[in-house]
PDB file of N, CA and C in Angstrom:
ATOM      1  N   MET A   1      52.609  75.729  74.109  1.00  0.00           N
ATOM      2  CA  MET A   1      51.904  75.568  75.356  1.00  0.00           C
ATOM      3  C   MET A   1      52.934  75.345  76.453  1.00  0.00           C
ATOM      4  N   LYS A   2      53.081  76.309  77.343  1.00  0.00           N
ATOM      5  CA  LYS A   2      53.999  76.181  78.457  1.00  0.00           C
ATOM      6  C   LYS A   2      53.212  76.289  79.746  1.00  0.00           C
ATOM      7  N   GLU A   3      53.507  75.361  80.639  1.00  0.00           N
ATOM      8  CA  GLU A   3      52.791  75.324  81.908  1.00  0.00           C
ATOM      9  C   GLU A   3      53.835  75.187  82.998  1.00  0.00           C
ATOM     10  N   THR A   4      53.751  76.021  84.026  1.00  0.00           N
ATOM     11  CA  THR A   4      54.685  75.937  85.138  1.00  0.00           C
ATOM     12  C   THR A   4      53.937  75.408  86.346  1.00  0.00           C
ATOM     13  N   ARG A   5      54.588  74.461  87.050  1.00  0.00           N
ATOM     14  CA  ARG A   5      53.974  73.953  88.270  1.00  0.00           C
ATOM     15  C   ARG A   5      55.062  73.793  89.324  1.00  0.00           C
ATOM     16  N   GLU A   6      54.725  74.101  90.549  1.00  0.00           N
ATOM     17  CA  GLU A   6      55.660  73.975  91.657  1.00  0.00           C
ATOM     18  C   GLU A   6      55.530  72.588  92.271  1.00  0.00           C
ATOM     19  N   ILE A   7      56.656  71.922  92.438  1.00  0.00           N
ATOM     20  CA  ILE A   7      56.691  70.623  93.095  1.00  0.00           C
ATOM     21  C   ILE A   7      57.688  70.761  94.235  1.00  0.00           C
ATOM     22  N   GLY A   8      57.205  71.113  95.406  1.00  0.00           N
ATOM     23  CA  GLY A   8      58.116  71.388  96.512  1.00  0.00           C
ATOM     24  C   GLY A   8      58.983  72.575  96.157  1.00  0.00           C
ATOM     25  N   ARG A   9      60.286  72.360  96.108  1.00  0.00           N
ATOM     26  CA  ARG A   9      61.203  73.435  95.742  1.00  0.00           C
ATOM     27  C   ARG A   9      61.562  73.397  94.270  1.00  0.00           C
ATOM     28  N   ILE A  10      61.048  72.407  93.530  1.00  0.00           N
ATOM     29  CA  ILE A  10      61.407  72.245  92.121  1.00  0.00           C
ATOM     30  C   ILE A  10      60.294  72.784  91.230  1.00  0.00           C
ATOM     31  N   ALA A  11      60.672  73.607  90.255  1.00  0.00           N
ATOM     32  CA  ALA A  11      59.709  74.094  89.264  1.00  0.00           C
ATOM     33  C   ALA A  11      59.933  73.309  87.981  1.00  0.00           C
ATOM     34  N   ALA A  12      58.884  72.730  87.443  1.00  0.00           N
ATOM     35  CA  ALA A  12      58.974  71.990  86.180  1.00  0.00           C
ATOM     36  C   ALA A  12      58.133  72.706  85.134  1.00  0.00           C
ATOM     37  N   ILE A  13      58.623  72.717  83.905  1.00  0.00           N
ATOM     38  CA  ILE A  13      57.900  73.346  82.812  1.00  0.00           C
ATOM     39  C   ILE A  13      57.548  72.265  81.798  1.00  0.00           C
ATOM     40  N   SER A  14      56.282  72.230  81.407  1.00  0.00           N
ATOM     41  CA  SER A  14      55.834  71.309  80.369  1.00  0.00           C
ATOM     42  C   SER A  14      55.763  72.065  79.048  1.00  0.00           C
ATOM     43  N   VAL A  15      56.382  71.499  78.016  1.00  0.00           N
ATOM     44  CA  VAL A  15      56.418  72.142  76.698  1.00  0.00           C
ATOM     45  C   VAL A  15      55.941  71.138  75.660  1.00  0.00           C
ATOM     46  N   LYS A  16      55.114  71.598  74.718  1.00  0.00           N
ATOM     47  CA  LYS A  16      54.633  70.745  73.636  1.00  0.00           C
ATOM     48  C   LYS A  16      55.584  70.850  72.453  1.00  0.00           C
ATOM     49  N   CYS A  17      56.091  69.699  71.997  1.00  0.00           N
ATOM     50  CA  CYS A  17      57.042  69.659  70.879  1.00  0.00           C
ATOM     51  C   CYS A  17      56.357  70.155  69.605  1.00  0.00           C
ATOM     52  N   LYS A  18      57.043  71.036  68.867  1.00  0.00           N
ATOM     53  CA  LYS A  18      56.461  71.587  67.643  1.00  0.00           C
ATOM     54  C   LYS A  18      56.519  70.611  66.477  1.00  0.00           C
ATOM     55  N   VAL A  19      57.255  69.500  66.626  1.00  0.00           N
ATOM     56  CA  VAL A  19      57.367  68.522  65.552  1.00  0.00           C
ATOM     57  C   VAL A  19      56.398  67.361  65.754  1.00  0.00           C
ATOM     58  N   CYS A  20      56.493  66.694  66.918  1.00  0.00           N
ATOM     59  CA  CYS A  20      55.687  65.493  67.144  1.00  0.00           C
ATOM     60  C   CYS A  20      54.498  65.729  68.077  1.00  0.00           C
ATOM     61  N   ASN A  21      54.370  66.938  68.618  1.00  0.00           N
ATOM     62  CA  ASN A  21      53.291  67.327  69.530  1.00  0.00           C
ATOM     63  C   ASN A  21      53.294  66.578  70.855  1.00  0.00           C
ATOM     64  N   LYS A  22      54.401  65.891  71.164  1.00  0.00           N
ATOM     65  CA  LYS A  22      54.526  65.219  72.453  1.00  0.00           C
ATOM     66  C   LYS A  22      54.871  66.271  73.502  1.00  0.00           C
ATOM     67  N   VAL A  23      54.285  66.147  74.696  1.00  0.00           N
ATOM     68  CA  VAL A  23      54.580  67.074  75.780  1.00  0.00           C
ATOM     69  C   VAL A  23      55.783  66.536  76.554  1.00  0.00           C
ATOM     70  N   PHE A  24      56.789  67.378  76.729  1.00  0.00           N
ATOM     71  CA  PHE A  24      57.960  66.979  77.508  1.00  0.00           C
ATOM     72  C   PHE A  24      58.169  67.984  78.631  1.00  0.00           C
ATOM     73  N   THR A  25      58.811  67.519  79.681  1.00  0.00           N
ATOM     74  CA  THR A  25      58.994  68.333  80.871  1.00  0.00           C
ATOM     75  C   THR A  25      60.453  68.721  81.025  1.00  0.00           C
ATOM     76  N   MET A  26      60.669  69.949  81.412  1.00  0.00           N
ATOM     77  CA  MET A  26      62.015  70.441  81.705  1.00  0.00           C
ATOM     78  C   MET A  26      62.064  70.792  83.189  1.00  0.00           C
ATOM     79  N   ASN A  27      63.103  70.307  83.875  1.00  0.00           N
ATOM     80  CA  ASN A  27      63.206  70.613  85.300  1.00  0.00           C
ATOM     81  C   ASN A  27      63.872  71.973  85.516  1.00  0.00           C
ATOM     82  N   ARG A  28      63.965  72.351  86.763  1.00  0.00           N
ATOM     83  CA  ARG A  28      64.490  73.667  87.109  1.00  0.00           C
ATOM     84  C   ARG A  28      65.925  73.861  86.619  1.00  0.00           C
ATOM     85  N   LYS A  29      66.773  72.848  86.775  1.00  0.00           N
ATOM     86  CA  LYS A  29      68.171  72.967  86.339  1.00  0.00           C
ATOM     87  C   LYS A  29      68.281  73.172  84.832  1.00  0.00           C
ATOM     88  N   GLU A  30      67.474  72.458  84.059  1.00  0.00           N
ATOM     89  CA  GLU A  30      67.500  72.621  82.606  1.00  0.00           C
ATOM     90  C   GLU A  30      67.079  74.037  82.221  1.00  0.00           C
ATOM     91  N   VAL A  31      66.025  74.522  82.828  1.00  0.00           N
ATOM     92  CA  VAL A  31      65.535  75.876  82.527  1.00  0.00           C
ATOM     93  C   VAL A  31      66.591  76.906  82.904  1.00  0.00           C
ATOM     94  N   GLN A  32      67.220  76.728  84.064  1.00  0.00           N
ATOM     95  CA  GLN A  32      68.263  77.664  84.494  1.00  0.00           C
ATOM     96  C   GLN A  32      69.461  77.625  83.554  1.00  0.00           C
ATOM     97  N   TRP A  33      69.838  76.426  83.078  1.00  0.00           N
ATOM     98  CA  TRP A  33      70.973  76.314  82.170  1.00  0.00           C
ATOM     99  C   TRP A  33      70.718  77.107  80.888  1.00  0.00           C
ATOM    100  N   TYR A  34      69.541  76.899  80.274  1.00  0.00           N
ATOM    101  CA  TYR A  34      69.204  77.631  79.044  1.00  0.00           C
ATOM    102  C   TYR A  34      69.205  79.134  79.307  1.00  0.00           C
ATOM    103  N   SER A  35      68.669  79.535  80.453  1.00  0.00           N
ATOM    104  CA  SER A  35      68.609  80.950  80.805  1.00  0.00           C
ATOM    105  C   SER A  35      70.009  81.535  80.989  1.00  0.00           C
ATOM    106  N   CYS A  36      70.866  80.826  81.727  1.00  0.00           N
ATOM    107  CA  CYS A  36      72.233  81.309  81.970  1.00  0.00           C
ATOM    108  C   CYS A  36      73.042  81.398  80.679  1.00  0.00           C
ATOM    109  N   MET A  37      72.815  80.474  79.761  1.00  0.00           N
ATOM    110  CA  MET A  37      73.541  80.470  78.497  1.00  0.00           C
ATOM    111  C   MET A  37      72.972  81.495  77.517  1.00  0.00           C
ATOM    112  N   GLY A  38      71.808  82.042  77.826  1.00  0.00           N
ATOM    113  CA  GLY A  38      71.179  83.028  76.949  1.00  0.00           C
ATOM    114  C   GLY A  38      70.434  82.399  75.783  1.00  0.00           C
ATOM    115  N   TYR A  39      70.154  81.091  75.886  1.00  0.00           N
ATOM    116  CA  TYR A  39      69.437  80.377  74.826  1.00  0.00           C
ATOM    117  C   TYR A  39      67.946  80.377  75.107  1.00  0.00           C
ATOM    118  N   PRO A  40      67.126  80.393  74.072  1.00  0.00           N
ATOM    119  CA  PRO A  40      65.681  80.225  74.284  1.00  0.00           C
ATOM    120  C   PRO A  40      65.397  78.772  74.677  1.00  0.00           C
ATOM    121  N   LEU A  41      64.287  78.545  75.344  1.00  0.00           N
ATOM    122  CA  LEU A  41      63.919  77.178  75.704  1.00  0.00           C
ATOM    123  C   LEU A  41      63.637  76.382  74.434  1.00  0.00           C
ATOM    124  N   PRO A  42      63.993  75.101  74.423  1.00  0.00           N
ATOM    125  CA  PRO A  42      63.775  74.292  73.224  1.00  0.00           C
ATOM    126  C   PRO A  42      62.298  74.139  72.899  1.00  0.00           C
ATOM    127  N   LYS A  43      62.008  74.069  71.605  1.00  0.00           N
ATOM    128  CA  LYS A  43      60.640  73.873  71.135  1.00  0.00           C
ATOM    129  C   LYS A  43      60.422  72.449  70.658  1.00  0.00           C
ATOM    130  N   ARG A  44      61.516  71.656  70.652  1.00  0.00           N
ATOM    131  CA  ARG A  44      61.448  70.253  70.231  1.00  0.00           C
ATOM    132  C   ARG A  44      61.767  69.360  71.422  1.00  0.00           C
ATOM    133  N   CYS A  45      61.149  68.182  71.460  1.00  0.00           N
ATOM    134  CA  CYS A  45      61.420  67.216  72.521  1.00  0.00           C
ATOM    135  C   CYS A  45      62.826  66.648  72.332  1.00  0.00           C
ATOM    136  N   PRO A  46      63.403  66.018  73.349  1.00  0.00           N
ATOM    137  CA  PRO A  46      64.760  65.469  73.220  1.00  0.00           C
ATOM    138  C   PRO A  46      64.921  64.517  72.029  1.00  0.00           C
ATOM    139  N   ASP A  47      63.930  63.679  71.746  1.00  0.00           N
ATOM    140  CA  ASP A  47      64.024  62.753  70.610  1.00  0.00           C
ATOM    141  C   ASP A  47      64.097  63.501  69.285  1.00  0.00           C
ATOM    142  N   CYS A  48      63.245  64.495  69.107  1.00  0.00           N
ATOM    143  CA  CYS A  48      63.238  65.265  67.857  1.00  0.00           C
ATOM    144  C   CYS A  48      64.507  66.101  67.718  1.00  0.00           C
ATOM    145  N   ARG A  49      65.046  66.606  68.850  1.00  0.00           N
ATOM    146  CA  ARG A  49      66.310  67.349  68.802  1.00  0.00           C
ATOM    147  C   ARG A  49      67.444  66.435  68.362  1.00  0.00           C
ATOM    148  N   LYS A  50      67.455  65.205  68.885  1.00  0.00           N
ATOM    149  CA  LYS A  50      68.495  64.241  68.516  1.00  0.00           C
ATOM    150  C   LYS A  50      68.422  63.901  67.028  1.00  0.00           C
ATOM    151  N   LYS A  51      67.199  63.648  66.527  1.00  0.00           N
ATOM    152  CA  LYS A  51      67.031  63.330  65.105  1.00  0.00           C
ATOM    153  C   LYS A  51      67.484  64.487  64.228  1.00  0.00           C
ATOM    154  N   ARG A  52      67.142  65.704  64.619  1.00  0.00           N
ATOM    155  CA  ARG A  52      67.520  66.886  63.841  1.00  0.00           C
ATOM    156  C   ARG A  52      69.033  67.078  63.834  1.00  0.00           C
ATOM    157  N   LYS A  53      69.668  66.861  64.989  1.00  0.00           N
ATOM    158  CA  LYS A  53      71.117  66.993  65.079  1.00  0.00           C
ATOM    159  C   LYS A  53      71.806  65.966  64.185  1.00  0.00           C
ATOM    160  N   GLU A  54      71.330  64.714  64.221  1.00  0.00           N
ATOM    161  CA  GLU A  54      71.906  63.668  63.378  1.00  0.00           C
ATOM    162  C   GLU A  54      71.743  63.995  61.899  1.00  0.00           C
ATOM    163  N   GLN A  55      70.579  64.519  61.546  1.00  0.00           N
ATOM    164  CA  GLN A  55      70.331  64.881  60.148  1.00  0.00           C
ATOM    165  C   GLN A  55      71.287  65.997  59.714  1.00  0.00           C
ATOM    166  N   ASN A  56      71.475  66.995  60.575  1.00  0.00           N
ATOM    167  CA  ASN A  56      72.384  68.098  60.251  1.00  0.00           C
ATOM    168  C   ASN A  56      73.830  67.618  60.132  1.00  0.00           C
ATOM    169  N   LEU A  57      74.233  66.691  61.014  1.00  0.00           N
ATOM    170  CA  LEU A  57      75.591  66.144  60.935  1.00  0.00           C
ATOM    171  C   LEU A  57      75.783  65.353  59.653  1.00  0.00           C
ATOM    172  N   ARG A  58      74.764  64.616  59.256  1.00  0.00           N
ATOM    173  CA  ARG A  58      74.836  63.821  58.031  1.00  0.00           C
ATOM    174  C   ARG A  58      74.978  64.728  56.809  1.00  0.00           C
ATOM    175  N   ILE A  59      74.226  65.808  56.787  1.00  0.00           N
ATOM    176  CA  ILE A  59      74.308  66.768  55.688  1.00  0.00           C
ATOM    177  C   ILE A  59      75.695  67.402  55.650  1.00  0.00           C
ATOM    178  N   ALA A  60      76.220  67.784  56.822  1.00  0.00           N
ATOM    179  CA  ALA A  60      77.550  68.395  56.880  1.00  0.00           C
ATOM    180  C   ALA A  60      78.621  67.420  56.398  1.00  0.00           C
ATOM    181  N   ALA A  61      78.509  66.157  56.793  1.00  0.00           N
ATOM    182  CA  ALA A  61      79.486  65.152  56.361  1.00  0.00           C
ATOM    183  C   ALA A  61      79.430  64.953  54.850  1.00  0.00           C
ATOM    184  N   THR A  62      78.232  64.921  54.296  1.00  0.00           N
ATOM    185  CA  THR A  62      78.078  64.763  52.846  1.00  0.00           C
ATOM    186  C   THR A  62      78.679  65.950  52.111  1.00  0.00           C
ATOM    187  N   LEU A  63      78.437  67.159  52.602  1.00  0.00           N
ATOM    188  CA  LEU A  63      79.013  68.353  51.976  1.00  0.00           C
ATOM    189  C   LEU A  63      80.543  68.326  52.046  1.00  0.00           C
ATOM    190  N   ALA A  64      81.083  67.873  53.182  1.00  0.00           N
ATOM    191  CA  ALA A  64      82.530  67.779  53.328  1.00  0.00           C
ATOM    192  C   ALA A  64      83.107  66.764  52.341  1.00  0.00           C
ATOM    193  N   LEU A  65      82.441  65.623  52.195  1.00  0.00           N
ATOM    194  CA  LEU A  65      82.905  64.607  51.256  1.00  0.00           C
ATOM    195  C   LEU A  65      82.879  65.133  49.821  1.00  0.00           C
ATOM    196  N   ASN A  66      81.839  65.859  49.473  1.00  0.00           N
ATOM    197  CA  ASN A  66      81.750  66.445  48.133  1.00  0.00           C
ATOM    198  C   ASN A  66      82.874  67.447  47.896  1.00  0.00           C
ATOM    199  N   ALA A  67      83.186  68.240  48.921  1.00  0.00           N
ATOM    200  CA  ALA A  67      84.260  69.221  48.789  1.00  0.00           C
ATOM    201  C   ALA A  67      85.609  68.520  48.603  1.00  0.00           C
ATOM    202  N   ILE A  68      85.822  67.436  49.344  1.00  0.00           N
ATOM    203  CA  ILE A  68      87.067  66.666  49.204  1.00  0.00           C
ATOM    204  C   ILE A  68      87.161  66.093  47.796  1.00  0.00           C
ATOM    205  N   GLU A  69      86.053  65.542  47.316  1.00  0.00           N
ATOM    206  CA  GLU A  69      86.016  64.990  45.954  1.00  0.00           C
ATOM    207  C   GLU A  69      86.424  66.039  44.927  1.00  0.00           C
ATOM    208  N   GLU A  70      85.832  67.218  45.019  1.00  0.00           N
ATOM    209  CA  GLU A  70      86.121  68.287  44.062  1.00  0.00           C
ATOM    210  C   GLU A  70      87.564  68.768  44.169  1.00  0.00           C
ATOM    211  N   HIS A  71      88.076  68.860  45.392  1.00  0.00           N
ATOM    212  CA  HIS A  71      89.429  69.368  45.616  1.00  0.00           C
ATOM    213  C   HIS A  71      90.493  68.410  45.077  1.00  0.00           C
ATOM    214  N   LEU A  72      90.245  67.128  45.204  1.00  0.00           N
ATOM    215  CA  LEU A  72      91.258  66.141  44.838  1.00  0.00           C
ATOM    216  C   LEU A  72      91.033  65.529  43.459  1.00  0.00           C
ATOM    217  N   CYS A  73      90.271  66.211  42.628  1.00  0.00           N
ATOM    218  CA  CYS A  73      89.949  65.680  41.305  1.00  0.00           C
ATOM    219  C   CYS A  73      91.187  65.375  40.460  1.00  0.00           C
ATOM    220  N   GLY A  74      92.237  66.166  40.533  1.00  0.00           N
ATOM    221  CA  GLY A  74      93.388  65.987  39.663  1.00  0.00           C
ATOM    222  C   GLY A  74      94.425  65.006  40.175  1.00  0.00           C
ATOM    223  N   SER A  75      94.183  64.334  41.296  1.00  0.00           N
ATOM    224  CA  SER A  75      95.190  63.429  41.881  1.00  0.00           C
ATOM    225  C   SER A  75      95.288  62.109  41.146  1.00  0.00           C
ATOM    226  N   ASP A  76      96.426  61.409  41.370  1.00  0.00           N
ATOM    227  CA  ASP A  76      96.612  60.064  40.815  1.00  0.00           C
ATOM    228  C   ASP A  76      95.705  59.062  41.527  1.00  0.00           C
ATOM    229  N   ILE A  77      95.508  59.259  42.838  1.00  0.00           N
ATOM    230  CA  ILE A  77      94.689  58.344  43.634  1.00  0.00           C
ATOM    231  C   ILE A  77      93.217  58.604  43.294  1.00  0.00           C
ATOM    232  N   ASP A  78      92.474  57.532  43.215  1.00  0.00           N
ATOM    233  CA  ASP A  78      91.055  57.668  42.887  1.00  0.00           C
ATOM    234  C   ASP A  78      90.262  57.978  44.159  1.00  0.00           C
ATOM    235  N   PHE A  79      90.214  59.263  44.503  1.00  0.00           N
ATOM    236  CA  PHE A  79      89.511  59.672  45.705  1.00  0.00           C
ATOM    237  C   PHE A  79      87.997  59.615  45.535  1.00  0.00           C
ATOM    238  N   HIS A  80      87.525  59.480  44.297  1.00  0.00           N
ATOM    239  CA  HIS A  80      86.078  59.325  44.083  1.00  0.00           C
ATOM    240  C   HIS A  80      85.607  58.027  44.720  1.00  0.00           C
ATOM    241  N   ASP A  81      86.431  56.976  44.587  1.00  0.00           N
ATOM    242  CA  ASP A  81      86.087  55.694  45.209  1.00  0.00           C
ATOM    243  C   ASP A  81      86.116  55.811  46.723  1.00  0.00           C
ATOM    244  N   VAL A  82      87.110  56.525  47.259  1.00  0.00           N
ATOM    245  CA  VAL A  82      87.193  56.708  48.705  1.00  0.00           C
ATOM    246  C   VAL A  82      85.963  57.449  49.206  1.00  0.00           C
ATOM    247  N   ALA A  83      85.595  58.521  48.527  1.00  0.00           N
ATOM    248  CA  ALA A  83      84.430  59.303  48.934  1.00  0.00           C
ATOM    249  C   ALA A  83      83.154  58.476  48.803  1.00  0.00           C
ATOM    250  N   ARG A  84      83.070  57.667  47.732  1.00  0.00           N
ATOM    251  CA  ARG A  84      81.886  56.817  47.537  1.00  0.00           C
ATOM    252  C   ARG A  84      81.753  55.816  48.674  1.00  0.00           C
ATOM    253  N   VAL A  85      82.870  55.187  49.048  1.00  0.00           N
ATOM    254  CA  VAL A  85      82.855  54.204  50.135  1.00  0.00           C
ATOM    255  C   VAL A  85      82.451  54.873  51.454  1.00  0.00           C
ATOM    256  N   LEU A  86      83.017  56.060  51.713  1.00  0.00           N
ATOM    257  CA  LEU A  86      82.654  56.782  52.938  1.00  0.00           C
ATOM    258  C   LEU A  86      81.172  57.150  52.944  1.00  0.00           C
ATOM    259  N   ARG A  87      80.661  57.585  51.787  1.00  0.00           N
ATOM    260  CA  ARG A  87      79.248  57.947  51.694  1.00  0.00           C
ATOM    261  C   ARG A  87      78.354  56.734  51.942  1.00  0.00           C
ATOM    262  N   GLU A  88      78.724  55.574  51.392  1.00  0.00           N
ATOM    263  CA  GLU A  88      77.951  54.353  51.611  1.00  0.00           C
ATOM    264  C   GLU A  88      77.975  53.951  53.087  1.00  0.00           C
ATOM    265  N   ALA A  89      79.149  54.101  53.721  1.00  0.00           N
ATOM    266  CA  ALA A  89      79.253  53.775  55.147  1.00  0.00           C
ATOM    267  C   ALA A  89      78.381  54.707  55.974  1.00  0.00           C
ATOM    268  N   LEU A  90      78.372  55.981  55.594  1.00  0.00           N
ATOM    269  CA  LEU A  90      77.517  56.948  56.277  1.00  0.00           C
ATOM    270  C   LEU A  90      76.052  56.564  56.123  1.00  0.00           C
ATOM    271  N   ASP A  91      75.652  56.183  54.910  1.00  0.00           N
ATOM    272  CA  ASP A  91      74.271  55.778  54.657  1.00  0.00           C
ATOM    273  C   ASP A  91      73.890  54.556  55.480  1.00  0.00           C
ATOM    274  N   GLU A  92      74.796  53.568  55.551  1.00  0.00           N
ATOM    275  CA  GLU A  92      74.517  52.362  56.334  1.00  0.00           C
ATOM    276  C   GLU A  92      74.371  52.696  57.809  1.00  0.00           C
ATOM    277  N   ARG A  93      75.253  53.563  58.299  1.00  0.00           N
ATOM    278  CA  ARG A  93      75.193  53.956  59.712  1.00  0.00           C
ATOM    279  C   ARG A  93      73.876  54.673  59.997  1.00  0.00           C
ATOM    280  N   TYR A  94      73.466  55.544  59.095  1.00  0.00           N
ATOM    281  CA  TYR A  94      72.233  56.299  59.265  1.00  0.00           C
ATOM    282  C   TYR A  94      71.025  55.359  59.275  1.00  0.00           C
ATOM    283  N   GLU A  95      71.008  54.383  58.377  1.00  0.00           N
ATOM    284  CA  GLU A  95      69.881  53.456  58.290  1.00  0.00           C
ATOM    285  C   GLU A  95      69.775  52.566  59.512  1.00  0.00           C
ATOM    286  N   THR A  96      70.897  52.190  60.142  1.00  0.00           N
ATOM    287  CA  THR A  96      70.844  51.348  61.318  1.00  0.00           C
ATOM    288  C   THR A  96      70.366  52.124  62.545  1.00  0.00           C
ATOM    289  N   GLN A  97      70.488  53.444  62.528  1.00  0.00           N
ATOM    290  CA  GLN A  97      70.060  54.250  63.676  1.00  0.00           C
ATOM    291  C   GLN A  97      68.583  54.585  63.620  1.00  0.00           C
ATOM    292  N   ILE A  98      67.951  54.437  62.477  1.00  0.00           N
ATOM    293  CA  ILE A  98      66.531  54.803  62.355  1.00  0.00           C
ATOM    294  C   ILE A  98      65.665  53.732  62.937  1.00  0.00           C
TER     295      ILE A  98
END
């Protein structure tokens, strides 16, 4: 659901988030930025975009830690403990942000 309304010289677009169904507004500058960059307008509200980005970063960090674990398997240093500690720290950080 997209609705355009003129407010003086400013055009605002109201968009319904596809995740939480909250309606959020994008001002003229935001719409122009997405257009100039060649990106489609967002379908998620800023809160849902932030949560999704954090989730994707967490997944990427976990995959990186797993790759490090596998790569350093033959070392004298116990990198499994290092990776475990990093993973626990990541989990704690994630839980405090929710």
